[in-house]
Every structure is written in structure tokens, then in C-alpha cells.
Amino acid sequence: MANLRRSVLRHRSSHVPDVHLNLNVRGLNQSATLAINERSAELQAQGRHVYKLGLGQSPFPVPQPVVDALKSHAHEKDYLAVKGLRELRAAVAAYHRRTEGIEYGEEDVMVGPGSKELMFVLQLVYYGDLVIPTPSWVSYAPQAHIIGRQIRWVPTQPENDWRLMPEELDRLCSGDPDRPRIVILNYPSNPTGDTYTTDELKALARIARQYRVVLLADEIYGPLHHRGQHVSIARYYPEGTIISGGLSKWCGAGGWRLGTFTFPRSLHWLLDAVAVVASETYTSTSAPIQHAAVRAFEGGFEIEEYLWQSRRILRQLGRHLWRRLRQAGVQVTKPQGAFYLFPDFSLLSERLQQRGITTSTALCERLLEDTGVAILPGEVFGRPPEELSARLAYVNFDGARTLVAAAQVPKDRILDRSYLETNCGNTLAAVDAICNWLEDG
């Protein structure tokens, strides 16, 4: 506070505008996932060896057909329609028809510079609470806070593998059944790597329909379901579900910044409102990226092969790490999709307390200092600070090399420990370092 006061005085003395930040922004920190990446880079610059398991960025390269499409459209320079390139919107609608069996058309799709931006604009135009199951992705709540929306947390339980149970959603909504709400359902989950059963999705859909909530199905990791068996809840609550997707996770193109929202016709009033705000803010998404994205959503043999091998690698690596952590006494959910684990070290709390570790933030700071392993504390995912949970993104390997190596292993064989040690050794070493650190204590 004293530093802020001195800064304000300096500004006044130099005749520049006083510091008057929006109160909804004041005090917010940089996104934790980006901050841990920058902190890791700083330590590496100091000569430290860092295992970067903090930022959830796909390790795999963008599929070559999509890269080729970008090259061929690099000359595209005109502003595109606010809602997105017509051919891309049609390709996204066709993708959902193909994978979910739901009749969507190009008029149901909105394209934006990343699904993150679309989520922000959606909350801006819809006047209602944001309901977030915890643990959850780190940016849902700060976005709502910036806009000034009420946040309703729904704590989930480790015995349910951190999934939102229908009765928990019903309990929250029944207290004020007519209150407008956006309910976030993210699966496969960031940060847990878990997903929902069909019966659970049907039950959640019944509750959502009963209370007429807007259900934002954040299915950005859907194509990375480890068995390729992702099911959208839009199948069971089509009239109230917006499907959020994009290129960043399954297509390895996070830096391209392209996201999609697919709306039911009953929510076109929301789509149109999002488009109005987009027209006055970001205008449209990069033209060359949109043209390339058409090729990504069209699919085809090369894309499907890329996805099959990606899932195969993540499935075997995730399960190997899950077993290793459990052997060290850590409670952790078996991953079903994406590239995350959410270990809970609470069963080892007495041992950790002897080292002065009583919060998830202290745990991660100590781990980084002692072992060079960078992971994120459960606190930034909406969990209580004293719960010794954390998120681990198992992506610290050369994705291009692993894909080439996996293609040499017959499809009817698993990628064994030898394969993982050769191609994902850095990630295995990171989790070994965590486990040895626990065991040595």
C-alpha cells in the first residue's frame, strides 16, 4: 500500500493522470497459467533446470494440412464478417452434426479470437450469475469479476472425481429457481482430466432444463477424450446449450487464437448480442487463420490419424503418471481426456506441515524451489487455500517427435514404458522428482 501511495504521488507531481483503475480490475493478478510460464522462463534464464508443467499448452504441432492451408491463405487481408467466415461457420456446424448428430447450420456458429474472448463477451451481454463448479479453469471467475457478475461456486468432491453432481446443481438453483444463470460445464476437465458419463450428462441436462439455465459447455478438450468417445451435453439439452470449442487444444494451435461458439436457434438472440459487442471491440478474427481453420474442421484421414495418435500418447502417459503419483500416496483422479492431472496431497499433510507447508500455494512454491517442477496450486482453480491440491499439465515433451515415434508402433500395441522413457522422459522425470521429494520428506 505504501508503494502504491508513493507511485500515486509521483504521478501527481509529474502532472500525468492519477491512477484510477476500474474497481473490478484493481487488485486482479495476471492469469496464473501465463504467470507460471513466465516464472519458469525466468528461472531457466538463471540457469535452473525447470520442468514446465504449469501452462496447459498442447505439445503437438499443428497438423500439416492445416499449416498448408494457412500458407495458401496468407494473402487474405480483408476484414471478414463479424460472426465469422461463412465457409468456416458451415464447417464447424458440419463437424458438430458429424460428431454429435445435432442439426446445426452455419447461422448457429460464432467465430472469435479464441473461446476465451467469446466467453467474456457472452458474460457481458447476458445478465445473470455465473455458476462455476470447482476446481475450474482459472479464467472463468476473473472474467465475471471484471464484468461485475455474481459468481456462484459449486464445490465438487474428490470421491466423485471432482465432477459436478446433478443434486449439487439442483441444490444451488432451487433456492431461487427463476434467477438467470450461466452454468459452466467443462469436460474433459481442465484441471482434472476427468469427464462425465452419459447418465450424468442426461441427469445434469434435466436439472438445467428445469431451471432454464444457459449451459455453456466448454468442450475445447472434447476431441482429446482419450478414447475418442466425447459426448456433448447438447445432445440432451440442445435448446439451452452453447458449445464452446476451437483450435487451441486438439489442433495444437493455441497461438493462432481461434474459438467457436455454437448456439441453438432458441438462443440466437444471445448470438446476435455477442456479434454486436464483437463489432464494436475486436471486429473480426484473423482472416488467414479462419481460412485455415476450415481445413481443420473438415477433418479427413490425416486429421483423424493425427488425433488418434495424440490421444494414444496422452492416454498412456497420463495413466503412467497417475499410477506413479498414487504409489507415492497422492490422491489423484485417473485421467480420461485432455492432458491434466489434479493431485491432492492432503493425505500427506502431516509430513508436509513439518516442512512448514500448509497451503497449496506454499506447496507449489516449495516444489519449484526444491525440485524445479512448476505446477499450479489448487487455490487458483477455486479450491480452498488449505487444501493441498494442484494442477499438473503433462505436456513437457516434444510433441512432433512423439507423434513420429508413435506411428512406428503398431496400433494394436500399447505405448509401453520404454516408449514413454524415450519420448516423454522429461515429463516422467518431473513426476519422479515430485514423488522422490515427497518420499524423502
Protein backbone atom coordinates (compact mmCIF):
# COMPACT_ATOMS: atom_id res chain seq x y z
CA MET A 1 0.00 0.00 0.00
CA ALA A 2 2.85 2.40 0.79
CA ASN A 3 4.40 1.67 -2.60
CA LEU A 4 1.10 2.42 -4.33
CA ARG A 5 0.82 5.71 -2.40
CA ARG A 6 4.35 6.75 -3.45
CA SER A 7 3.54 5.83 -7.03
CA VAL A 8 0.40 7.99 -6.94
CA LEU A 9 2.36 10.91 -5.51
CA ARG A 10 4.98 10.61 -8.25
CA HIS A 11 2.28 10.64 -10.87
CA ARG A 12 0.69 13.76 -9.38
CA SER A 13 3.97 15.59 -9.15
CA SER A 14 4.71 14.91 -12.82
CA HIS A 15 1.29 16.22 -13.96
CA VAL A 16 0.14 12.95 -15.50
CA PRO A 17 -3.33 11.48 -14.87
CA ASP A 18 -3.93 9.97 -11.43
CA VAL A 19 -4.22 6.21 -11.01
CA HIS A 20 -7.94 5.44 -11.24
CA LEU A 21 -8.36 1.81 -12.24
CA ASN A 22 -11.76 0.20 -12.71
CA LEU A 23 -12.54 -1.23 -9.28
CA ASN A 24 -13.38 -4.59 -10.84
CA VAL A 25 -9.85 -4.78 -12.28
CA ARG A 26 -7.98 -3.30 -9.36
CA GLY A 27 -6.19 -5.98 -7.38
CA LEU A 28 -6.50 -8.69 -10.02
CA ASN A 29 -3.35 -10.60 -10.87
CA GLN A 30 -2.19 -11.88 -14.24
CA SER A 31 -3.70 -15.22 -15.24
CA ALA A 32 -1.94 -17.90 -13.16
CA THR A 33 -1.28 -20.14 -16.15
CA LEU A 34 0.56 -17.39 -18.00
CA ALA A 35 2.35 -16.20 -14.86
CA ILE A 36 3.80 -19.66 -14.13
CA ASN A 37 5.11 -19.87 -17.68
CA GLU A 38 6.89 -16.53 -17.31
CA ARG A 39 8.27 -17.52 -13.89
CA SER A 40 9.61 -20.77 -15.36
CA ALA A 41 11.30 -18.84 -18.16
CA GLU A 42 12.94 -16.53 -15.61
CA LEU A 43 14.38 -19.48 -13.69
CA GLN A 44 15.63 -21.07 -16.90
CA ALA A 45 17.35 -17.81 -17.80
CA GLN A 46 19.13 -18.05 -14.43
CA GLY A 47 20.50 -21.44 -15.40
CA ARG A 48 17.98 -23.54 -13.43
CA HIS A 49 16.53 -26.72 -14.93
CA VAL A 50 12.75 -26.31 -14.86
CA TYR A 51 10.11 -28.91 -15.62
CA LYS A 52 7.34 -26.77 -17.14
CA LEU A 53 4.13 -28.49 -16.09
CA GLY A 54 2.25 -25.27 -15.39
CA LEU A 55 0.95 -23.91 -18.70
CA GLY A 56 -1.62 -26.13 -20.39
CA GLN A 57 -0.42 -25.80 -23.96
CA SER A 58 -0.66 -28.64 -26.45
CA PRO A 59 2.78 -30.15 -27.14
CA PHE A 60 1.76 -31.32 -30.59
CA PRO A 61 2.42 -29.40 -33.83
CA VAL A 62 -0.44 -28.08 -35.93
CA PRO A 63 -1.41 -30.80 -38.45
CA GLN A 64 0.41 -30.29 -41.73
CA PRO A 65 -2.75 -29.97 -43.88
CA VAL A 66 -3.88 -27.08 -41.67
CA VAL A 67 -0.44 -25.43 -41.86
CA ASP A 68 -0.55 -25.78 -45.65
CA ALA A 69 -3.99 -24.16 -45.71
CA LEU A 70 -2.65 -21.23 -43.68
CA LYS A 71 0.23 -20.78 -46.11
CA SER A 72 -2.08 -20.75 -49.09
CA HIS A 73 -4.30 -18.12 -47.46
CA ALA A 74 -1.58 -15.89 -46.02
CA HIS A 75 -2.52 -13.20 -48.57
CA GLU A 76 -6.06 -12.84 -47.19
CA LYS A 77 -6.18 -9.31 -45.78
CA ASP A 78 -9.78 -8.15 -45.72
CA TYR A 79 -12.00 -7.83 -42.69
CA LEU A 80 -14.32 -10.80 -42.52
CA ALA A 81 -17.89 -10.91 -41.25
CA VAL A 82 -18.24 -10.29 -37.52
CA LYS A 83 -19.75 -13.72 -36.93
CA GLY A 84 -17.02 -15.37 -38.96
CA LEU A 85 -16.14 -16.66 -42.39
CA ARG A 86 -19.19 -18.31 -43.90
CA GLU A 87 -17.25 -21.41 -45.03
CA LEU A 88 -15.76 -21.83 -41.56
CA ARG A 89 -19.09 -21.50 -39.80
CA ALA A 90 -20.50 -24.12 -42.15
CA ALA A 91 -17.53 -26.42 -41.44
CA VAL A 92 -17.99 -26.07 -37.67
CA ALA A 93 -21.72 -26.80 -37.96
CA ALA A 94 -20.97 -29.85 -40.11
CA TYR A 95 -18.38 -31.01 -37.56
CA HIS A 96 -20.99 -30.95 -34.78
CA ARG A 97 -23.56 -32.68 -36.97
CA ARG A 98 -20.98 -35.35 -37.76
CA THR A 99 -19.78 -35.91 -34.19
CA GLU A 100 -22.92 -35.19 -32.15
CA GLY A 101 -25.79 -35.87 -34.54
CA ILE A 102 -27.33 -32.45 -33.81
CA GLU A 103 -28.69 -30.40 -36.70
CA TYR A 104 -26.71 -27.17 -36.73
CA GLY A 105 -26.26 -24.74 -39.61
CA GLU A 106 -23.75 -22.02 -40.35
CA GLU A 107 -26.18 -19.45 -38.92
CA ASP A 108 -25.75 -21.08 -35.47
CA VAL A 109 -21.98 -20.53 -35.25
CA MET A 110 -19.98 -17.56 -33.97
CA VAL A 111 -16.22 -17.35 -34.54
CA GLY A 112 -13.96 -15.32 -32.28
CA PRO A 113 -10.28 -14.70 -31.48
CA GLY A 114 -10.18 -17.59 -29.01
CA SER A 115 -13.01 -19.10 -26.99
CA LYS A 116 -11.75 -17.10 -24.01
CA GLU A 117 -12.80 -13.83 -25.70
CA LEU A 118 -16.17 -15.27 -26.65
CA MET A 119 -16.77 -16.33 -23.04
CA PHE A 120 -16.02 -12.83 -21.86
CA VAL A 121 -18.42 -11.23 -24.33
CA LEU A 122 -21.14 -13.77 -23.52
CA GLN A 123 -20.98 -12.85 -19.84
CA LEU A 124 -21.04 -9.18 -20.78
CA VAL A 125 -24.25 -9.44 -22.82
CA TYR A 126 -26.12 -11.93 -20.60
CA TYR A 127 -27.32 -10.53 -17.31
CA GLY A 128 -27.10 -13.39 -14.84
CA ASP A 129 -24.97 -15.21 -12.30
CA LEU A 130 -22.03 -17.33 -13.37
CA VAL A 131 -22.16 -20.80 -11.81
CA ILE A 132 -18.75 -22.48 -11.64
CA PRO A 133 -18.05 -25.99 -10.32
CA THR A 134 -14.70 -26.13 -8.55
CA PRO A 135 -11.99 -26.97 -9.36
CA SER A 136 -12.32 -24.98 -12.56
CA TRP A 137 -10.21 -23.28 -15.21
CA VAL A 138 -8.53 -20.19 -13.81
CA SER A 139 -10.12 -17.51 -16.04
CA TYR A 140 -13.86 -18.13 -15.62
CA ALA A 141 -14.16 -16.29 -12.32
CA PRO A 142 -11.84 -13.33 -13.09
CA GLN A 143 -13.83 -12.62 -16.24
CA ALA A 144 -17.05 -12.50 -14.26
CA HIS A 145 -15.37 -10.31 -11.66
CA ILE A 146 -14.16 -7.84 -14.29
CA ILE A 147 -17.67 -7.54 -15.74
CA GLY A 148 -19.27 -7.32 -12.29
CA ARG A 149 -21.31 -10.52 -12.34
CA GLN A 150 -22.15 -12.61 -9.29
CA ILE A 151 -20.10 -15.80 -9.06
CA ARG A 152 -21.72 -18.87 -7.53
CA TRP A 153 -19.17 -21.56 -6.72
CA VAL A 154 -20.30 -25.19 -6.53
CA PRO A 155 -17.62 -27.19 -4.71
CA THR A 156 -17.28 -30.73 -6.05
CA GLN A 157 -15.97 -33.72 -4.14
CA PRO A 158 -12.88 -35.91 -4.68
CA GLU A 159 -14.97 -39.04 -4.15
CA ASN A 160 -16.89 -38.02 -7.31
CA ASP A 161 -13.60 -37.37 -9.12
CA TRP A 162 -14.35 -33.63 -8.93
CA ARG A 163 -17.39 -33.89 -11.25
CA LEU A 164 -20.48 -31.73 -10.74
CA MET A 165 -23.30 -33.95 -9.50
CA PRO A 166 -26.90 -33.23 -10.57
CA GLU A 167 -28.09 -32.88 -6.97
CA GLU A 168 -25.41 -30.24 -6.32
CA LEU A 169 -26.64 -28.15 -9.24
CA ASP A 170 -30.25 -28.68 -8.17
CA ARG A 171 -29.44 -27.56 -4.63
CA LEU A 172 -27.95 -24.30 -5.87
CA CYS A 173 -30.74 -23.50 -8.33
CA SER A 174 -33.69 -24.47 -6.14
CA GLY A 175 -33.06 -21.62 -3.69
CA ASP A 176 -34.02 -19.09 -6.36
CA PRO A 177 -35.44 -21.07 -9.28
CA ASP A 178 -36.14 -18.10 -11.58
CA ARG A 179 -32.74 -16.47 -11.23
CA PRO A 180 -30.89 -16.12 -14.58
CA ARG A 181 -27.71 -18.17 -14.66
CA ILE A 182 -24.92 -19.28 -16.94
CA VAL A 183 -23.65 -22.68 -15.80
CA ILE A 184 -20.15 -23.67 -16.92
CA LEU A 185 -19.60 -27.33 -17.68
CA ASN A 186 -16.04 -28.01 -18.80
CA TYR A 187 -15.12 -31.55 -19.81
CA PRO A 188 -12.82 -33.29 -20.34
CA SER A 189 -11.81 -31.12 -17.47
CA ASN A 190 -9.14 -28.55 -17.02
CA PRO A 191 -7.77 -29.10 -14.35
CA THR A 192 -8.68 -32.73 -13.56
CA GLY A 193 -8.56 -34.56 -16.89
CA ASP A 194 -11.82 -36.29 -15.97
CA THR A 195 -15.06 -36.41 -17.94
CA TYR A 196 -18.75 -37.28 -17.48
CA THR A 197 -20.67 -40.45 -18.11
CA THR A 198 -23.67 -40.38 -20.42
CA ASP A 199 -26.04 -40.94 -17.48
CA GLU A 200 -24.51 -38.00 -15.60
CA LEU A 201 -24.89 -35.75 -18.64
CA LYS A 202 -28.55 -36.73 -19.02
CA ALA A 203 -29.22 -36.01 -15.34
CA LEU A 204 -27.44 -32.64 -15.48
CA ALA A 205 -29.42 -31.79 -18.61
CA ARG A 206 -32.70 -32.46 -16.79
CA ILE A 207 -31.72 -30.06 -13.99
CA ALA A 208 -30.55 -27.42 -16.48
CA ARG A 209 -33.85 -27.66 -18.37
CA GLN A 210 -35.89 -27.49 -15.15
CA TYR A 211 -34.32 -24.16 -14.18
CA ARG A 212 -33.93 -22.86 -17.77
CA VAL A 213 -30.25 -22.07 -17.30
CA VAL A 214 -27.93 -21.13 -20.12
CA LEU A 215 -25.46 -24.01 -20.17
CA LEU A 216 -22.03 -23.14 -21.52
CA ALA A 217 -20.47 -26.47 -22.46
CA ASP A 218 -16.75 -25.75 -22.63
CA GLU A 219 -15.75 -28.73 -24.77
CA ILE A 220 -12.44 -27.37 -26.02
CA TYR A 221 -10.82 -30.68 -24.96
CA GLY A 222 -13.62 -32.85 -26.38
CA PRO A 223 -11.59 -34.16 -29.33
CA LEU A 224 -8.87 -35.15 -26.82
CA HIS A 225 -11.07 -37.63 -24.97
CA HIS A 226 -8.51 -40.40 -24.64
CA ARG A 227 -10.79 -42.99 -26.22
CA GLY A 228 -12.27 -40.63 -28.79
CA GLN A 229 -15.70 -41.04 -27.15
CA HIS A 230 -16.62 -37.49 -26.15
CA VAL A 231 -20.36 -36.80 -25.92
CA SER A 232 -21.74 -33.26 -25.85
CA ILE A 233 -24.42 -32.45 -23.29
CA ALA A 234 -26.06 -30.53 -26.14
CA ARG A 235 -27.46 -33.90 -27.23
CA TYR A 236 -29.68 -33.89 -24.13
CA TYR A 237 -30.32 -30.15 -23.61
CA PRO A 238 -29.99 -28.72 -27.12
CA GLU A 239 -32.29 -25.76 -26.59
CA GLY A 240 -30.22 -24.24 -23.78
CA THR A 241 -26.64 -25.30 -24.51
CA ILE A 242 -23.88 -23.29 -26.16
CA ILE A 243 -20.94 -25.46 -27.25
CA SER A 244 -17.55 -23.79 -26.89
CA GLY A 245 -14.68 -25.11 -29.00
CA GLY A 246 -11.68 -24.03 -31.00
CA LEU A 247 -8.26 -24.94 -32.35
CA SER A 248 -6.00 -24.41 -29.35
CA LYS A 249 -6.03 -27.85 -27.71
CA TRP A 250 -6.81 -30.64 -30.17
CA CYS A 251 -5.16 -28.86 -33.11
CA GLY A 252 -2.11 -27.57 -31.23
CA ALA A 253 -2.82 -24.00 -32.37
CA GLY A 254 -3.22 -22.01 -29.15
CA GLY A 255 -1.29 -19.05 -30.50
CA TRP A 256 -3.50 -18.85 -33.57
CA ARG A 257 -6.33 -17.61 -31.34
CA LEU A 258 -9.48 -19.02 -32.90
CA GLY A 259 -12.52 -20.13 -30.93
CA THR A 260 -16.06 -21.08 -31.82
CA PHE A 261 -19.44 -20.90 -30.10
CA THR A 262 -22.30 -22.97 -31.49
CA PHE A 263 -25.76 -21.80 -30.39
CA PRO A 264 -29.17 -23.44 -30.64
CA ARG A 265 -31.72 -21.47 -32.63
CA SER A 266 -33.59 -20.67 -29.41
CA LEU A 267 -30.54 -18.66 -28.24
CA HIS A 268 -29.92 -16.69 -31.44
CA TRP A 269 -30.85 -13.55 -29.51
CA LEU A 270 -27.69 -14.16 -27.48
CA LEU A 271 -25.60 -14.91 -30.57
CA ASP A 272 -26.76 -11.64 -32.15
CA ALA A 273 -25.93 -9.69 -28.98
CA VAL A 274 -22.44 -11.23 -28.86
CA ALA A 275 -21.97 -10.22 -32.50
CA VAL A 276 -22.96 -6.61 -31.73
CA VAL A 277 -20.33 -6.34 -29.00
CA ALA A 278 -17.77 -8.05 -31.22
CA SER A 279 -18.42 -5.50 -33.95
CA GLU A 280 -17.52 -2.71 -31.52
CA THR A 281 -14.48 -4.41 -29.97
CA TYR A 282 -12.38 -6.96 -31.89
CA THR A 283 -14.28 -6.53 -35.22
CA SER A 284 -13.42 -9.97 -36.58
CA THR A 285 -10.97 -12.85 -36.26
CA SER A 286 -7.78 -13.04 -38.35
CA ALA A 287 -8.69 -13.84 -41.96
CA PRO A 288 -5.84 -16.27 -42.79
CA ILE A 289 -6.46 -18.21 -39.56
CA GLN A 290 -10.17 -18.55 -40.33
CA HIS A 291 -9.48 -19.87 -43.81
CA ALA A 292 -7.01 -22.42 -42.41
CA ALA A 293 -9.48 -23.46 -39.73
CA VAL A 294 -11.90 -24.61 -42.42
CA ARG A 295 -9.45 -27.38 -43.26
CA ALA A 296 -9.11 -28.34 -39.59
CA PHE A 297 -12.86 -28.75 -39.03
CA GLU A 298 -13.38 -30.59 -42.31
CA GLY A 299 -11.30 -33.44 -40.90
CA GLY A 300 -10.29 -36.29 -43.15
CA PHE A 301 -7.78 -39.13 -42.88
CA GLU A 302 -4.68 -37.07 -41.98
CA ILE A 303 -6.51 -35.12 -39.28
CA GLU A 304 -8.08 -38.25 -37.82
CA GLU A 305 -4.73 -40.06 -37.77
CA TYR A 306 -3.13 -37.08 -36.02
CA LEU A 307 -5.91 -37.09 -33.41
CA TRP A 308 -5.77 -40.86 -32.90
CA GLN A 309 -2.04 -40.81 -32.21
CA SER A 310 -2.32 -37.72 -29.97
CA ARG A 311 -4.96 -39.43 -27.85
CA ARG A 312 -2.93 -42.62 -27.74
CA ILE A 313 0.13 -40.80 -26.40
CA LEU A 314 -1.80 -38.76 -23.84
CA ARG A 315 -3.73 -41.81 -22.63
CA GLN A 316 -0.64 -43.89 -21.90
CA LEU A 317 1.40 -41.04 -20.48
CA GLY A 318 -1.43 -39.80 -18.27
CA ARG A 319 -2.08 -43.25 -16.84
CA HIS A 320 1.60 -43.88 -16.17
CA LEU A 321 1.89 -40.62 -14.23
CA TRP A 322 -1.39 -41.31 -12.39
CA ARG A 323 -0.06 -44.66 -11.18
CA ARG A 324 3.27 -43.15 -10.12
CA LEU A 325 1.60 -40.45 -8.02
CA ARG A 326 -0.74 -42.94 -6.38
CA GLN A 327 2.24 -45.11 -5.44
CA ALA A 328 3.66 -42.09 -3.60
CA GLY A 329 0.46 -41.71 -1.54
CA VAL A 330 -1.10 -38.91 -3.57
CA GLN A 331 -4.85 -38.88 -4.19
CA VAL A 332 -5.45 -38.29 -7.90
CA THR A 333 -8.19 -38.99 -10.44
CA LYS A 334 -7.45 -41.28 -13.37
CA PRO A 335 -7.37 -39.07 -16.47
CA GLN A 336 -9.93 -39.68 -19.20
CA GLY A 337 -9.10 -36.81 -21.52
CA ALA A 338 -7.01 -33.68 -22.15
CA PHE A 339 -3.52 -33.55 -20.59
CA TYR A 340 -4.02 -32.74 -16.92
CA LEU A 341 -3.84 -34.36 -13.51
CA PHE A 342 -5.17 -32.79 -10.31
CA PRO A 343 -3.21 -34.39 -7.47
CA ASP A 344 -4.37 -33.81 -3.91
CA PHE A 345 -1.51 -34.11 -1.40
CA SER A 346 -3.79 -33.75 1.64
CA LEU A 347 -3.24 -37.34 2.76
CA LEU A 348 0.40 -36.34 3.28
CA SER A 349 -0.46 -33.11 5.10
CA GLU A 350 1.24 -34.05 8.39
CA ARG A 351 4.51 -34.74 6.60
CA LEU A 352 4.21 -31.51 4.60
CA GLN A 353 3.31 -29.44 7.66
CA GLN A 354 6.61 -30.47 9.19
CA ARG A 355 8.22 -28.60 6.31
CA GLY A 356 6.04 -25.56 7.01
CA ILE A 357 3.70 -26.24 4.07
CA THR A 358 0.06 -25.55 4.92
CA THR A 359 -1.39 -24.17 1.67
CA SER A 360 -1.44 -25.22 -1.96
CA THR A 361 0.44 -22.07 -2.94
CA ALA A 362 3.20 -22.79 -0.43
CA LEU A 363 3.35 -26.38 -1.71
CA CYS A 364 3.88 -25.32 -5.32
CA GLU A 365 6.39 -22.62 -4.44
CA ARG A 366 8.42 -25.11 -2.40
CA LEU A 367 8.24 -27.73 -5.14
CA LEU A 368 9.52 -25.27 -7.71
CA GLU A 369 12.35 -24.17 -5.44
CA ASP A 370 13.41 -27.66 -4.33
CA THR A 371 12.84 -29.71 -7.48
CA GLY A 372 12.42 -27.31 -10.39
CA VAL A 373 8.93 -28.70 -11.09
CA ALA A 374 6.43 -25.96 -11.96
CA ILE A 375 2.78 -26.82 -11.26
CA LEU A 376 -0.16 -24.63 -10.23
CA PRO A 377 -1.83 -24.53 -6.79
CA GLY A 378 -5.41 -25.70 -6.40
CA GLU A 379 -6.27 -22.32 -4.91
CA VAL A 380 -6.19 -20.64 -8.35
CA PHE A 381 -8.72 -23.23 -9.58
CA GLY A 382 -11.22 -22.22 -6.91
CA ARG A 383 -10.26 -24.69 -4.17
CA PRO A 384 -9.73 -23.71 -0.52
CA PRO A 385 -6.16 -22.47 0.10
CA GLU A 386 -5.56 -25.04 2.84
CA GLU A 387 -6.45 -27.94 0.53
CA LEU A 388 -3.12 -29.24 -0.73
CA SER A 389 -4.21 -29.75 -4.32
CA ALA A 390 -2.51 -28.72 -7.55
CA ARG A 391 -2.79 -28.99 -11.31
CA LEU A 392 -0.16 -30.75 -13.36
CA ALA A 393 -0.09 -30.33 -17.16
CA TYR A 394 1.83 -33.30 -18.58
CA VAL A 395 2.92 -31.62 -21.79
CA ASN A 396 6.64 -31.09 -21.22
CA PHE A 397 7.78 -33.17 -24.21
CA ASP A 398 8.47 -32.80 -27.92
CA GLY A 399 5.08 -33.48 -29.48
CA ALA A 400 6.34 -33.71 -33.05
CA ARG A 401 8.90 -36.38 -32.12
CA THR A 402 6.41 -38.40 -30.08
CA LEU A 403 3.94 -38.46 -32.98
CA VAL A 404 6.59 -39.75 -35.39
CA ALA A 405 7.69 -42.39 -32.88
CA ALA A 406 4.12 -43.47 -32.10
CA ALA A 407 3.41 -44.00 -35.78
CA GLN A 408 6.16 -46.68 -35.77
CA VAL A 409 4.38 -48.70 -33.06
CA PRO A 410 1.61 -50.98 -34.38
CA LYS A 411 -1.84 -49.70 -33.44
CA ASP A 412 -2.76 -52.89 -31.62
CA ARG A 413 0.16 -52.41 -29.19
CA ILE A 414 0.27 -50.02 -26.28
CA LEU A 415 2.96 -47.39 -25.98
CA ASP A 416 4.95 -49.04 -23.22
CA ARG A 417 7.27 -47.65 -20.58
CA SER A 418 10.24 -47.86 -22.93
CA TYR A 419 8.42 -45.67 -25.45
CA LEU A 420 7.48 -43.15 -22.74
CA GLU A 421 11.00 -43.01 -21.32
CA THR A 422 12.47 -42.42 -24.77
CA ASN A 423 9.97 -39.82 -25.96
CA CYS A 424 8.42 -38.29 -22.82
CA GLY A 425 11.35 -38.73 -20.43
CA ASN A 426 11.34 -35.14 -19.21
CA THR A 427 7.73 -35.42 -18.07
CA LEU A 428 8.36 -38.76 -16.35
CA ALA A 429 11.41 -37.25 -14.63
CA ALA A 430 9.33 -34.33 -13.38
CA VAL A 431 6.76 -36.57 -11.69
CA ASP A 432 9.53 -38.79 -10.33
CA ALA A 433 11.08 -35.65 -8.84
CA ILE A 434 7.80 -34.80 -7.11
CA CYS A 435 7.40 -38.32 -5.75
CA ASN A 436 11.02 -38.55 -4.57
CA TRP A 437 10.65 -35.17 -2.88
CA LEU A 438 7.58 -36.46 -1.04
CA GLU A 439 9.23 -39.72 -0.08
CA ASP A 440 12.46 -38.05 1.09
CA GLY A 441 10.49 -35.82 3.43
